[in-house]
Amino acid sequence: MENTPDLAAAAKKSLDFRIANGGGHTGWSAAWLISQYARLNDGEKANESLNTVLKKSTSPNLFGQHPPFQMDANFGATAGIAEMLIQSHQGFIELLPAIPDEWSSGEVKGLRARGGFEVDMKWENGILVSSNVKSLSGNKSILQYRGKNLQLDLKKGESRKFDFK
């Protein structure tokens, strides 16, 4: 997205047009939009799509309602939530890339990132407080938060805690 801002703007315009003209209202489609907006770092729009899935396409037992029963919205929504919290598709691990204002404080454990990393993190008032990264394979990477880059050079099984206060 940072390397191709014109393409990102075009993608966002296309998604917004699609929603304004009746798209994104079935469970699988709204779930897909969660991830798309998360990739565009738009936490508010990603959260709107998540709320659409939960309100209009999810039964009280959390199963998707699109007849016949489908898991697309269930799996898509959880993948979208993960994209809102952590992304690693650009060759580095970005923390809280699309966190909506509504999620001002929280904690998550066990998210997986490309390269064989497991990430725990805690945030308060919309700001990352701490993160613990465990290497599952001994690979190197970069941990990024709000433009700050931290080198990850951990041996397999090794963990490192980062404080962001």
Protein backbone atom coordinates (compact mmCIF):
# COMPACT_ATOMS: atom_id res chain seq x y z
CA MET A 1 0.00 0.00 0.00
CA GLU A 2 2.77 2.46 0.90
CA ASN A 3 4.62 1.61 -2.32
CA THR A 4 1.53 2.02 -4.51
CA PRO A 5 -0.68 4.74 -3.00
CA ASP A 6 -2.54 5.35 -6.27
CA LEU A 7 -3.52 1.68 -6.49
CA ALA A 8 -4.59 1.68 -2.83
CA ALA A 9 -6.75 4.78 -3.40
CA ALA A 10 -8.33 3.15 -6.46
CA ALA A 11 -9.03 -0.05 -4.53
CA LYS A 12 -10.65 1.92 -1.69
CA LYS A 13 -12.78 3.89 -4.15
CA SER A 14 -13.90 0.64 -5.79
CA LEU A 15 -14.79 -0.95 -2.43
CA ASP A 16 -16.69 2.15 -1.28
CA PHE A 17 -18.63 2.23 -4.57
CA ARG A 18 -19.46 -1.45 -4.27
CA ILE A 19 -20.88 -1.01 -0.76
CA ALA A 20 -22.81 2.13 -1.71
CA ASN A 21 -24.45 0.20 -4.55
CA GLY A 22 -25.61 -2.86 -2.64
CA GLY A 23 -22.49 -4.97 -2.21
CA GLY A 24 -21.04 -6.37 0.98
CA HIS A 25 -24.29 -7.41 2.61
CA THR A 26 -23.99 -11.20 2.63
CA GLY A 27 -21.83 -12.83 5.25
CA TRP A 28 -18.98 -13.94 3.00
CA SER A 29 -18.93 -10.62 1.15
CA ALA A 30 -18.85 -8.49 4.31
CA ALA A 31 -16.17 -10.77 5.76
CA TRP A 32 -14.08 -10.29 2.63
CA LEU A 33 -14.43 -6.52 3.08
CA ILE A 34 -13.00 -6.71 6.62
CA SER A 35 -9.69 -7.97 5.23
CA GLN A 36 -9.73 -5.59 2.27
CA TYR A 37 -10.19 -2.52 4.46
CA ALA A 38 -7.65 -3.83 6.97
CA ARG A 39 -5.09 -4.11 4.15
CA LEU A 40 -5.88 -0.47 3.32
CA ASN A 41 -5.23 0.39 7.02
CA ASP A 42 -8.82 1.57 7.43
CA GLY A 43 -9.80 0.17 10.80
CA GLU A 44 -13.11 2.02 10.93
CA LYS A 45 -14.38 0.59 7.63
CA ALA A 46 -13.04 -2.86 8.55
CA ASN A 47 -14.97 -2.65 11.83
CA GLU A 48 -18.15 -1.56 10.00
CA SER A 49 -17.89 -4.69 7.83
CA LEU A 50 -17.26 -6.85 10.90
CA ASN A 51 -20.37 -5.40 12.54
CA THR A 52 -22.36 -6.15 9.35
CA VAL A 53 -21.30 -9.79 9.54
CA LEU A 54 -22.18 -10.05 13.22
CA LYS A 55 -25.53 -8.24 13.01
CA LYS A 56 -26.91 -9.50 9.71
CA SER A 57 -25.22 -12.80 8.95
CA THR A 58 -24.46 -14.54 12.24
CA SER A 59 -26.73 -16.71 14.38
CA PRO A 60 -26.64 -16.58 18.19
CA ASN A 61 -24.38 -19.66 18.11
CA LEU A 62 -21.98 -17.66 15.84
CA PHE A 63 -22.65 -19.80 12.75
CA GLY A 64 -23.07 -18.00 9.45
CA GLN A 65 -26.69 -17.68 8.30
CA HIS A 66 -26.26 -17.66 4.53
CA PRO A 67 -28.41 -20.61 3.43
CA PRO A 68 -27.43 -23.30 3.25
CA PHE A 69 -25.08 -23.06 6.19
CA GLN A 70 -21.65 -21.79 5.12
CA MET A 71 -18.44 -21.21 7.04
CA ASP A 72 -17.21 -18.50 4.64
CA ALA A 73 -18.31 -15.61 6.86
CA ASN A 74 -17.00 -17.32 9.99
CA PHE A 75 -13.53 -18.02 8.64
CA GLY A 76 -13.42 -14.75 6.69
CA ALA A 77 -14.37 -12.65 9.71
CA THR A 78 -11.71 -14.22 11.93
CA ALA A 79 -9.10 -13.77 9.18
CA GLY A 80 -10.20 -10.14 8.84
CA ILE A 81 -9.87 -9.54 12.57
CA ALA A 82 -6.34 -10.95 12.44
CA GLU A 83 -5.55 -8.59 9.51
CA MET A 84 -6.76 -5.66 11.60
CA LEU A 85 -4.38 -6.63 14.41
CA ILE A 86 -1.26 -7.84 12.57
CA GLN A 87 -0.02 -7.99 8.99
CA SER A 88 3.12 -9.59 7.62
CA HIS A 89 2.54 -9.82 3.85
CA GLN A 90 5.00 -7.01 3.01
CA GLY A 91 8.08 -8.76 4.41
CA PHE A 92 7.86 -7.29 7.90
CA ILE A 93 5.49 -7.68 10.85
CA GLU A 94 3.23 -4.66 11.33
CA LEU A 95 1.40 -4.37 14.64
CA LEU A 96 -2.09 -2.85 14.91
CA PRO A 97 -2.24 -1.65 11.29
CA ALA A 98 -6.02 -1.18 11.23
CA ILE A 99 -7.24 -0.87 14.79
CA PRO A 100 -10.61 0.92 15.02
CA ASP A 101 -11.26 3.59 17.64
CA GLU A 102 -13.86 1.31 19.23
CA TRP A 103 -11.08 -1.14 20.16
CA SER A 104 -9.20 1.47 22.19
CA SER A 105 -7.77 -1.08 24.63
CA GLY A 106 -7.17 -4.77 24.31
CA GLU A 107 -4.86 -7.73 24.40
CA VAL A 108 -4.29 -10.63 22.06
CA LYS A 109 -2.09 -13.70 22.29
CA GLY A 110 -0.86 -16.24 19.81
CA LEU A 111 -1.26 -14.42 16.49
CA ARG A 112 0.95 -15.91 13.78
CA ALA A 113 3.05 -13.93 11.31
CA ARG A 114 4.87 -14.99 8.17
CA GLY A 115 8.38 -16.22 8.75
CA GLY A 116 7.41 -18.38 11.71
CA PHE A 117 6.63 -15.85 14.44
CA GLU A 118 4.05 -15.86 17.23
CA VAL A 119 2.97 -12.48 18.55
CA ASP A 120 1.26 -11.36 21.75
CA MET A 121 0.43 -7.69 22.30
CA LYS A 122 -1.38 -5.30 24.55
CA TRP A 123 -2.63 -1.80 23.78
CA GLU A 124 -4.32 0.93 25.82
CA ASN A 125 -6.07 4.11 24.61
CA GLY A 126 -5.29 3.14 21.01
CA ILE A 127 -1.54 2.92 21.69
CA LEU A 128 0.53 -0.26 21.72
CA VAL A 129 1.98 -0.81 25.19
CA SER A 130 3.92 -4.03 24.75
CA SER A 131 4.48 -6.97 22.47
CA ASN A 132 6.12 -10.33 22.93
CA VAL A 133 7.46 -12.05 19.82
CA LYS A 134 8.49 -15.70 19.73
CA SER A 135 10.43 -17.17 16.85
CA LEU A 136 9.14 -20.57 15.82
CA SER A 137 11.77 -21.11 13.13
CA GLY A 138 14.78 -18.86 13.79
CA ASN A 139 14.12 -16.49 10.88
CA LYS A 140 14.92 -12.78 10.88
CA SER A 141 12.32 -10.07 10.37
CA ILE A 142 11.41 -6.50 11.24
CA LEU A 143 8.74 -5.56 13.76
CA GLN A 144 6.99 -2.32 12.77
CA TYR A 145 4.65 -0.08 14.71
CA ARG A 146 3.69 3.42 13.57
CA GLY A 147 6.76 3.75 11.37
CA LYS A 148 9.19 2.53 14.04
CA ASN A 149 11.20 -0.51 12.92
CA LEU A 150 12.72 -2.99 15.37
CA GLN A 151 15.00 -5.80 14.19
CA LEU A 152 14.01 -9.38 15.00
CA ASP A 153 16.95 -11.76 15.10
CA LEU A 154 15.80 -14.56 17.38
CA LYS A 155 16.89 -18.16 17.57
CA LYS A 156 14.26 -20.85 17.18
CA GLY A 157 12.14 -20.95 20.35
CA GLU A 158 13.51 -17.64 21.62
CA SER A 159 11.17 -14.80 22.68
CA ARG A 160 11.69 -11.08 23.08
CA LYS A 161 9.48 -8.53 24.78
CA PHE A 162 9.17 -5.04 23.34
CA ASP A 163 7.83 -2.11 25.39
CA PHE A 164 6.36 0.80 23.51
CA LYS A 165 5.53 3.13 26.43
